[in-house]
PDB file of N, CA and C in Angstrom:
ATOM      1  N   UNK A   1     -76.681  66.476 196.586  1.00  0.00           N
ATOM      2  CA  UNK A   1     -76.910  66.234 195.188  1.00  0.00           C
ATOM      3  C   UNK A   1     -75.898  65.202 194.708  1.00  0.00           C
ATOM      4  N   UNK A   2     -76.315  64.257 193.951  1.00  0.00           N
ATOM      5  CA  UNK A   2     -75.425  63.240 193.379  1.00  0.00           C
ATOM      6  C   UNK A   2     -74.608  63.893 192.272  1.00  0.00           C
ATOM      7  N   UNK A   3     -73.299  63.778 192.326  1.00  0.00           N
ATOM      8  CA  UNK A   3     -72.506  64.393 191.248  1.00  0.00           C
ATOM      9  C   UNK A   3     -72.684  63.624 189.932  1.00  0.00           C
ATOM     10  N   UNK A   4     -73.127  64.344 188.921  1.00  0.00           N
ATOM     11  CA  UNK A   4     -73.337  63.727 187.616  1.00  0.00           C
ATOM     12  C   UNK A   4     -72.049  63.743 186.799  1.00  0.00           C
ATOM     13  N   UNK A   5     -71.280  64.769 186.965  1.00  0.00           N
ATOM     14  CA  UNK A   5     -69.991  64.827 186.289  1.00  0.00           C
ATOM     15  C   UNK A   5     -68.983  65.503 187.198  1.00  0.00           C
ATOM     16  N   UNK A   6     -67.716  65.419 186.800  1.00  0.00           N
ATOM     17  CA  UNK A   6     -66.644  65.974 187.602  1.00  0.00           C
ATOM     18  C   UNK A   6     -65.892  66.990 186.754  1.00  0.00           C
ATOM     19  N   UNK A   7     -65.625  68.148 187.324  1.00  0.00           N
ATOM     20  CA  UNK A   7     -64.902  69.189 186.596  1.00  0.00           C
ATOM     21  C   UNK A   7     -63.392  69.043 186.716  1.00  0.00           C
ATOM     22  N   UNK A   8     -62.930  68.178 187.600  1.00  0.00           N
ATOM     23  CA  UNK A   8     -61.505  67.968 187.778  1.00  0.00           C
ATOM     24  C   UNK A   8     -60.977  67.110 186.633  1.00  0.00           C
ATOM     25  N   UNK A   9     -59.976  67.593 185.907  1.00  0.00           N
ATOM     26  CA  UNK A   9     -59.457  66.786 184.786  1.00  0.00           C
ATOM     27  C   UNK A   9     -58.693  65.565 185.295  1.00  0.00           C
ATOM     28  N   UNK A  10     -58.758  64.510 184.509  1.00  0.00           N
ATOM     29  CA  UNK A  10     -58.050  63.270 184.857  1.00  0.00           C
ATOM     30  C   UNK A  10     -56.742  63.256 184.086  1.00  0.00           C
ATOM     31  N   UNK A  11     -55.644  62.985 184.770  1.00  0.00           N
ATOM     32  CA  UNK A  11     -54.322  63.024 184.148  1.00  0.00           C
ATOM     33  C   UNK A  11     -53.727  61.648 183.880  1.00  0.00           C
ATOM     34  N   UNK A  12     -54.367  60.605 184.367  1.00  0.00           N
ATOM     35  CA  UNK A  12     -53.812  59.264 184.170  1.00  0.00           C
ATOM     36  C   UNK A  12     -54.910  58.302 183.742  1.00  0.00           C
ATOM     37  N   UNK A  13     -54.491  57.198 183.192  1.00  0.00           N
ATOM     38  CA  UNK A  13     -55.410  56.149 182.767  1.00  0.00           C
ATOM     39  C   UNK A  13     -55.668  55.221 183.949  1.00  0.00           C
ATOM     40  N   UNK A  14     -56.907  54.808 184.185  1.00  0.00           N
ATOM     41  CA  UNK A  14     -57.188  53.894 185.311  1.00  0.00           C
ATOM     42  C   UNK A  14     -56.742  52.468 184.976  1.00  0.00           C
ATOM     43  N   UNK A  15     -55.442  52.239 185.013  1.00  0.00           N
ATOM     44  CA  UNK A  15     -54.861  50.962 184.606  1.00  0.00           C
ATOM     45  C   UNK A  15     -55.326  49.801 185.482  1.00  0.00           C
ATOM     46  N   UNK A  16     -55.429  50.011 186.769  1.00  0.00           N
ATOM     47  CA  UNK A  16     -55.840  48.933 187.667  1.00  0.00           C
ATOM     48  C   UNK A  16     -57.277  48.518 187.373  1.00  0.00           C
ATOM     49  N   UNK A  17     -58.134  49.477 187.119  1.00  0.00           N
ATOM     50  CA  UNK A  17     -59.527  49.167 186.792  1.00  0.00           C
ATOM     51  C   UNK A  17     -59.605  48.379 185.487  1.00  0.00           C
ATOM     52  N   UNK A  18     -58.868  48.812 184.473  1.00  0.00           N
ATOM     53  CA  UNK A  18     -58.855  48.086 183.202  1.00  0.00           C
ATOM     54  C   UNK A  18     -58.303  46.676 183.371  1.00  0.00           C
ATOM     55  N   UNK A  19     -57.275  46.523 184.206  1.00  0.00           N
ATOM     56  CA  UNK A  19     -56.701  45.202 184.459  1.00  0.00           C
ATOM     57  C   UNK A  19     -57.708  44.281 185.135  1.00  0.00           C
ATOM     58  N   UNK A  20     -58.424  44.784 186.130  1.00  0.00           N
ATOM     59  CA  UNK A  20     -59.413  43.957 186.830  1.00  0.00           C
ATOM     60  C   UNK A  20     -60.565  43.556 185.914  1.00  0.00           C
ATOM     61  N   UNK A  21     -60.999  44.457 185.052  1.00  0.00           N
ATOM     62  CA  UNK A  21     -62.055  44.120 184.098  1.00  0.00           C
ATOM     63  C   UNK A  21     -61.570  43.048 183.135  1.00  0.00           C
ATOM     64  N   UNK A  22     -60.353  43.201 182.605  1.00  0.00           N
ATOM     65  CA  UNK A  22     -59.794  42.205 181.682  1.00  0.00           C
ATOM     66  C   UNK A  22     -59.616  40.857 182.368  1.00  0.00           C
ATOM     67  N   UNK A  23     -59.152  40.854 183.600  1.00  0.00           N
ATOM     68  CA  UNK A  23     -58.970  39.604 184.340  1.00  0.00           C
ATOM     69  C   UNK A  23     -60.300  38.893 184.553  1.00  0.00           C
ATOM     70  N   UNK A  24     -61.347  39.631 184.879  1.00  0.00           N
ATOM     71  CA  UNK A  24     -62.663  39.035 185.048  1.00  0.00           C
ATOM     72  C   UNK A  24     -63.191  38.455 183.741  1.00  0.00           C
ATOM     73  N   UNK A  25     -62.948  39.131 182.638  1.00  0.00           N
ATOM     74  CA  UNK A  25     -63.389  38.618 181.336  1.00  0.00           C
ATOM     75  C   UNK A  25     -62.645  37.335 180.986  1.00  0.00           C
ATOM     76  N   UNK A  26     -61.343  37.291 181.248  1.00  0.00           N
ATOM     77  CA  UNK A  26     -60.555  36.087 180.959  1.00  0.00           C
ATOM     78  C   UNK A  26     -61.019  34.910 181.802  1.00  0.00           C
ATOM     79  N   UNK A  27     -61.264  35.133 183.079  1.00  0.00           N
ATOM     80  CA  UNK A  27     -61.725  34.047 183.952  1.00  0.00           C
ATOM     81  C   UNK A  27     -63.110  33.578 183.520  1.00  0.00           C
ATOM     82  N   UNK A  28     -63.980  34.508 183.128  1.00  0.00           N
ATOM     83  CA  UNK A  28     -65.314  34.128 182.665  1.00  0.00           C
ATOM     84  C   UNK A  28     -65.237  33.299 181.387  1.00  0.00           C
ATOM     85  N   UNK A  29     -64.393  33.701 180.452  1.00  0.00           N
ATOM     86  CA  UNK A  29     -64.246  32.931 179.209  1.00  0.00           C
ATOM     87  C   UNK A  29     -63.638  31.564 179.474  1.00  0.00           C
ATOM     88  N   UNK A  30     -62.694  31.488 180.418  1.00  0.00           N
ATOM     89  CA  UNK A  30     -62.133  30.195 180.802  1.00  0.00           C
ATOM     90  C   UNK A  30     -63.219  29.299 181.374  1.00  0.00           C
ATOM     91  N   UNK A  31     -64.061  29.867 182.205  1.00  0.00           N
ATOM     92  CA  UNK A  31     -65.153  29.101 182.808  1.00  0.00           C
ATOM     93  C   UNK A  31     -66.115  28.585 181.737  1.00  0.00           C
ATOM     94  N   UNK A  32     -66.404  29.404 180.757  1.00  0.00           N
ATOM     95  CA  UNK A  32     -67.296  28.980 179.677  1.00  0.00           C
ATOM     96  C   UNK A  32     -66.690  27.889 178.796  1.00  0.00           C
ATOM     97  N   UNK A  33     -65.358  27.858 178.707  1.00  0.00           N
ATOM     98  CA  UNK A  33     -64.703  26.869 177.855  1.00  0.00           C
ATOM     99  C   UNK A  33     -64.635  25.485 178.498  1.00  0.00           C
ATOM    100  N   UNK A  34     -64.920  25.385 179.783  1.00  0.00           N
ATOM    101  CA  UNK A  34     -64.855  24.098 180.479  1.00  0.00           C
ATOM    102  C   UNK A  34     -66.064  23.235 180.137  1.00  0.00           C
ATOM    103  N   UNK A  35     -65.874  21.918 180.108  1.00  0.00           N
ATOM    104  CA  UNK A  35     -67.039  21.036 179.966  1.00  0.00           C
ATOM    105  C   UNK A  35     -67.899  21.111 181.231  1.00  0.00           C
ATOM    106  N   UNK A  36     -69.163  20.730 181.139  1.00  0.00           N
ATOM    107  CA  UNK A  36     -70.074  20.888 182.292  1.00  0.00           C
ATOM    108  C   UNK A  36     -69.593  20.235 183.586  1.00  0.00           C
ATOM    109  N   UNK A  37     -68.991  19.059 183.514  1.00  0.00           N
ATOM    110  CA  UNK A  37     -68.544  18.400 184.745  1.00  0.00           C
ATOM    111  C   UNK A  37     -67.418  19.191 185.410  1.00  0.00           C
ATOM    112  N   UNK A  38     -66.471  19.679 184.622  1.00  0.00           N
ATOM    113  CA  UNK A  38     -65.369  20.467 185.183  1.00  0.00           C
ATOM    114  C   UNK A  38     -65.866  21.813 185.686  1.00  0.00           C
ATOM    115  N   UNK A  39     -66.855  22.395 185.017  1.00  0.00           N
ATOM    116  CA  UNK A  39     -67.426  23.667 185.453  1.00  0.00           C
ATOM    117  C   UNK A  39     -68.113  23.508 186.802  1.00  0.00           C
ATOM    118  N   UNK A  40     -68.832  22.395 186.979  1.00  0.00           N
ATOM    119  CA  UNK A  40     -69.482  22.149 188.264  1.00  0.00           C
ATOM    120  C   UNK A  40     -68.459  21.960 189.373  1.00  0.00           C
ATOM    121  N   UNK A  41     -67.361  21.267 189.069  1.00  0.00           N
ATOM    122  CA  UNK A  41     -66.289  21.093 190.055  1.00  0.00           C
ATOM    123  C   UNK A  41     -65.690  22.438 190.433  1.00  0.00           C
ATOM    124  N   UNK A  42     -65.454  23.289 189.440  1.00  0.00           N
ATOM    125  CA  UNK A  42     -64.904  24.618 189.699  1.00  0.00           C
ATOM    126  C   UNK A  42     -65.855  25.434 190.566  1.00  0.00           C
ATOM    127  N   UNK A  43     -67.143  25.388 190.253  1.00  0.00           N
ATOM    128  CA  UNK A  43     -68.123  26.130 191.040  1.00  0.00           C
ATOM    129  C   UNK A  43     -68.206  25.601 192.472  1.00  0.00           C
ATOM    130  N   UNK A  44     -68.113  24.286 192.630  1.00  0.00           N
ATOM    131  CA  UNK A  44     -68.194  23.712 193.975  1.00  0.00           C
ATOM    132  C   UNK A  44     -66.949  24.039 194.784  1.00  0.00           C
ATOM    133  N   UNK A  45     -65.802  24.149 194.114  1.00  0.00           N
ATOM    134  CA  UNK A  45     -64.559  24.438 194.827  1.00  0.00           C
ATOM    135  C   UNK A  45     -64.440  25.911 195.204  1.00  0.00           C
ATOM    136  N   UNK A  46     -64.755  26.820 194.270  1.00  0.00           N
ATOM    137  CA  UNK A  46     -64.550  28.240 194.517  1.00  0.00           C
ATOM    138  C   UNK A  46     -65.846  29.002 194.781  1.00  0.00           C
ATOM    139  N   UNK A  47     -66.989  28.368 194.612  1.00  0.00           N
ATOM    140  CA  UNK A  47     -68.260  29.010 194.920  1.00  0.00           C
ATOM    141  C   UNK A  47     -68.577  28.871 196.403  1.00  0.00           C
ATOM    142  N   UNK A  48     -69.427  29.741 196.876  1.00  0.00           N
ATOM    143  CA  UNK A  48     -69.792  29.723 198.295  1.00  0.00           C
ATOM    144  C   UNK A  48     -70.806  28.616 198.550  1.00  0.00           C
ATOM    145  N   UNK A  49     -70.420  27.649 199.396  1.00  0.00           N
ATOM    146  CA  UNK A  49     -71.297  26.538 199.768  1.00  0.00           C
ATOM    147  C   UNK A  49     -71.520  26.636 201.281  1.00  0.00           C
ATOM    148  N   UNK A  50     -72.732  26.963 201.713  1.00  0.00           N
ATOM    149  CA  UNK A  50     -72.975  27.162 203.145  1.00  0.00           C
ATOM    150  C   UNK A  50     -72.631  25.947 204.009  1.00  0.00           C
ATOM    151  N   UNK A  51     -72.747  24.741 203.466  1.00  0.00           N
ATOM    152  CA  UNK A  51     -72.448  23.560 204.284  1.00  0.00           C
ATOM    153  C   UNK A  51     -70.969  23.483 204.663  1.00  0.00           C
ATOM    154  N   UNK A  52     -70.084  24.127 203.902  1.00  0.00           N
ATOM    155  CA  UNK A  52     -68.671  24.153 204.286  1.00  0.00           C
ATOM    156  C   UNK A  52     -68.476  24.969 205.564  1.00  0.00           C
ATOM    157  N   UNK A  53     -69.170  26.077 205.682  1.00  0.00           N
ATOM    158  CA  UNK A  53     -69.061  26.912 206.890  1.00  0.00           C
ATOM    159  C   UNK A  53     -69.684  26.202 208.082  1.00  0.00           C
ATOM    160  N   UNK A  54     -70.880  25.653 207.903  1.00  0.00           N
ATOM    161  CA  UNK A  54     -71.527  24.984 209.028  1.00  0.00           C
ATOM    162  C   UNK A  54     -70.774  23.720 209.428  1.00  0.00           C
ATOM    163  N   UNK A  55     -70.153  23.050 208.468  1.00  0.00           N
ATOM    164  CA  UNK A  55     -69.345  21.884 208.801  1.00  0.00           C
ATOM    165  C   UNK A  55     -68.128  22.260 209.623  1.00  0.00           C
ATOM    166  N   UNK A  56     -67.501  23.378 209.266  1.00  0.00           N
ATOM    167  CA  UNK A  56     -66.337  23.842 210.021  1.00  0.00           C
ATOM    168  C   UNK A  56     -66.746  24.260 211.428  1.00  0.00           C
ATOM    169  N   UNK A  57     -67.850  24.984 211.542  1.00  0.00           N
ATOM    170  CA  UNK A  57     -68.311  25.429 212.855  1.00  0.00           C
ATOM    171  C   UNK A  57     -68.846  24.280 213.697  1.00  0.00           C
ATOM    172  N   UNK A  58     -69.339  23.230 213.039  1.00  0.00           N
ATOM    173  CA  UNK A  58     -69.863  22.072 213.759  1.00  0.00           C
ATOM    174  C   UNK A  58     -68.800  21.068 214.142  1.00  0.00           C
ATOM    175  N   UNK A  59     -67.572  21.277 213.692  1.00  0.00           N
ATOM    176  CA  UNK A  59     -66.484  20.385 214.078  1.00  0.00           C
ATOM    177  C   UNK A  59     -66.320  19.167 213.195  1.00  0.00           C
ATOM    178  N   UNK A  60     -66.806  19.211 211.974  1.00  0.00           N
ATOM    179  CA  UNK A  60     -66.621  18.091 211.048  1.00  0.00           C
ATOM    180  C   UNK A  60     -65.142  18.016 210.684  1.00  0.00           C
ATOM    181  N   UNK A  61     -64.501  16.862 210.864  1.00  0.00           N
ATOM    182  CA  UNK A  61     -63.050  16.775 210.661  1.00  0.00           C
ATOM    183  C   UNK A  61     -62.614  16.958 209.206  1.00  0.00           C
ATOM    184  N   UNK A  62     -63.503  16.791 208.227  1.00  0.00           N
ATOM    185  CA  UNK A  62     -63.095  16.952 206.829  1.00  0.00           C
ATOM    186  C   UNK A  62     -63.149  18.401 206.362  1.00  0.00           C
ATOM    187  N   UNK A  63     -63.645  19.316 207.192  1.00  0.00           N
ATOM    188  CA  UNK A  63     -63.723  20.727 206.828  1.00  0.00           C
ATOM    189  C   UNK A  63     -62.416  21.421 207.177  1.00  0.00           C
ATOM    190  N   UNK A  64     -61.988  22.326 206.286  1.00  0.00           N
ATOM    191  CA  UNK A  64     -60.784  23.104 206.555  1.00  0.00           C
ATOM    192  C   UNK A  64     -61.136  24.589 206.569  1.00  0.00           C
ATOM    193  N   UNK A  65     -60.310  25.381 207.227  1.00  0.00           N
ATOM    194  CA  UNK A  65     -60.552  26.814 207.315  1.00  0.00           C
ATOM    195  C   UNK A  65     -60.448  27.450 205.934  1.00  0.00           C
ATOM    196  N   UNK A  66     -59.433  27.065 205.162  1.00  0.00           N
ATOM    197  CA  UNK A  66     -59.267  27.612 203.821  1.00  0.00           C
ATOM    198  C   UNK A  66     -60.403  27.229 202.903  1.00  0.00           C
ATOM    199  N   UNK A  67     -60.835  25.990 202.990  1.00  0.00           N
ATOM    200  CA  UNK A  67     -61.937  25.536 202.159  1.00  0.00           C
ATOM    201  C   UNK A  67     -63.258  26.174 202.506  1.00  0.00           C
ATOM    202  N   UNK A  68     -63.375  26.683 203.721  1.00  0.00           N
ATOM    203  CA  UNK A  68     -64.625  27.306 204.147  1.00  0.00           C
ATOM    204  C   UNK A  68     -64.647  28.801 203.890  1.00  0.00           C
ATOM    205  N   UNK A  69     -63.524  29.487 204.081  1.00  0.00           N
ATOM    206  CA  UNK A  69     -63.545  30.945 204.030  1.00  0.00           C
ATOM    207  C   UNK A  69     -62.995  31.552 202.752  1.00  0.00           C
ATOM    208  N   UNK A  70     -62.169  30.852 201.990  1.00  0.00           N
ATOM    209  CA  UNK A  70     -61.672  31.394 200.720  1.00  0.00           C
ATOM    210  C   UNK A  70     -62.808  31.654 199.740  1.00  0.00           C
ATOM    211  N   UNK A  71     -63.798  30.769 199.605  1.00  0.00           N
ATOM    212  CA  UNK A  71     -64.883  31.050 198.664  1.00  0.00           C
ATOM    213  C   UNK A  71     -65.708  32.291 198.990  1.00  0.00           C
ATOM    214  N   UNK A  72     -65.694  32.735 200.220  1.00  0.00           N
ATOM    215  CA  UNK A  72     -66.411  33.962 200.546  1.00  0.00           C
ATOM    216  C   UNK A  72     -65.841  35.126 199.741  1.00  0.00           C
ATOM    217  N   UNK A  73     -64.535  35.122 199.538  1.00  0.00           N
ATOM    218  CA  UNK A  73     -63.884  36.195 198.814  1.00  0.00           C
ATOM    219  C   UNK A  73     -63.741  35.916 197.325  1.00  0.00           C
ATOM    220  N   UNK A  74     -63.872  34.663 196.906  1.00  0.00           N
ATOM    221  CA  UNK A  74     -63.639  34.343 195.494  1.00  0.00           C
ATOM    222  C   UNK A  74     -64.913  34.074 194.716  1.00  0.00           C
ATOM    223  N   UNK A  75     -66.076  34.077 195.350  1.00  0.00           N
ATOM    224  CA  UNK A  75     -67.288  33.756 194.607  1.00  0.00           C
ATOM    225  C   UNK A  75     -68.175  34.971 194.439  1.00  0.00           C
ATOM    226  N   UNK A  76     -68.870  34.989 193.303  1.00  0.00           N
ATOM    227  CA  UNK A  76     -69.846  36.037 193.072  1.00  0.00           C
ATOM    228  C   UNK A  76     -71.222  35.437 192.851  1.00  0.00           C
ATOM    229  N   UNK A  77     -71.254  34.185 192.442  1.00  0.00           N
ATOM    230  CA  UNK A  77     -72.527  33.509 192.213  1.00  0.00           C
ATOM    231  C   UNK A  77     -72.321  32.029 192.422  1.00  0.00           C
ATOM    232  N   UNK A  78     -73.385  31.300 192.518  1.00  0.00           N
ATOM    233  CA  UNK A  78     -73.302  29.866 192.762  1.00  0.00           C
ATOM    234  C   UNK A  78     -74.056  29.141 191.673  1.00  0.00           C
ATOM    235  N   UNK A  79     -73.377  28.232 191.027  1.00  0.00           N
ATOM    236  CA  UNK A  79     -73.998  27.346 190.055  1.00  0.00           C
ATOM    237  C   UNK A  79     -74.385  28.022 188.758  1.00  0.00           C
ATOM    238  N   UNK A  80     -74.094  27.387 187.692  1.00  0.00           N
ATOM    239  CA  UNK A  80     -74.472  27.856 186.365  1.00  0.00           C
ATOM    240  C   UNK A  80     -74.339  26.648 185.444  1.00  0.00           C
ATOM    241  N   UNK A  81     -75.308  25.771 185.498  1.00  0.00           N
ATOM    242  CA  UNK A  81     -75.187  24.529 184.750  1.00  0.00           C
ATOM    243  C   UNK A  81     -75.907  24.559 183.444  1.00  0.00           C
TER     244      UNK A  81
END
């Protein structure tokens, strides 16, 4: 059965969860405040672009490991123009 509620009382505030939610809201508002050209640059830099991975695996000299794998952990969506 899926637990609908919990009978165990909570003694502390989920500070880390609140911090992560606030941080995401701040980054989203920062992204919205950028002009379209800068927003596209930000999305291309931190968004997941499959050609960066295939370029790294294919041996393209302009591809870097950080540029290929950091966006996997830092992106949630691609493009919003």
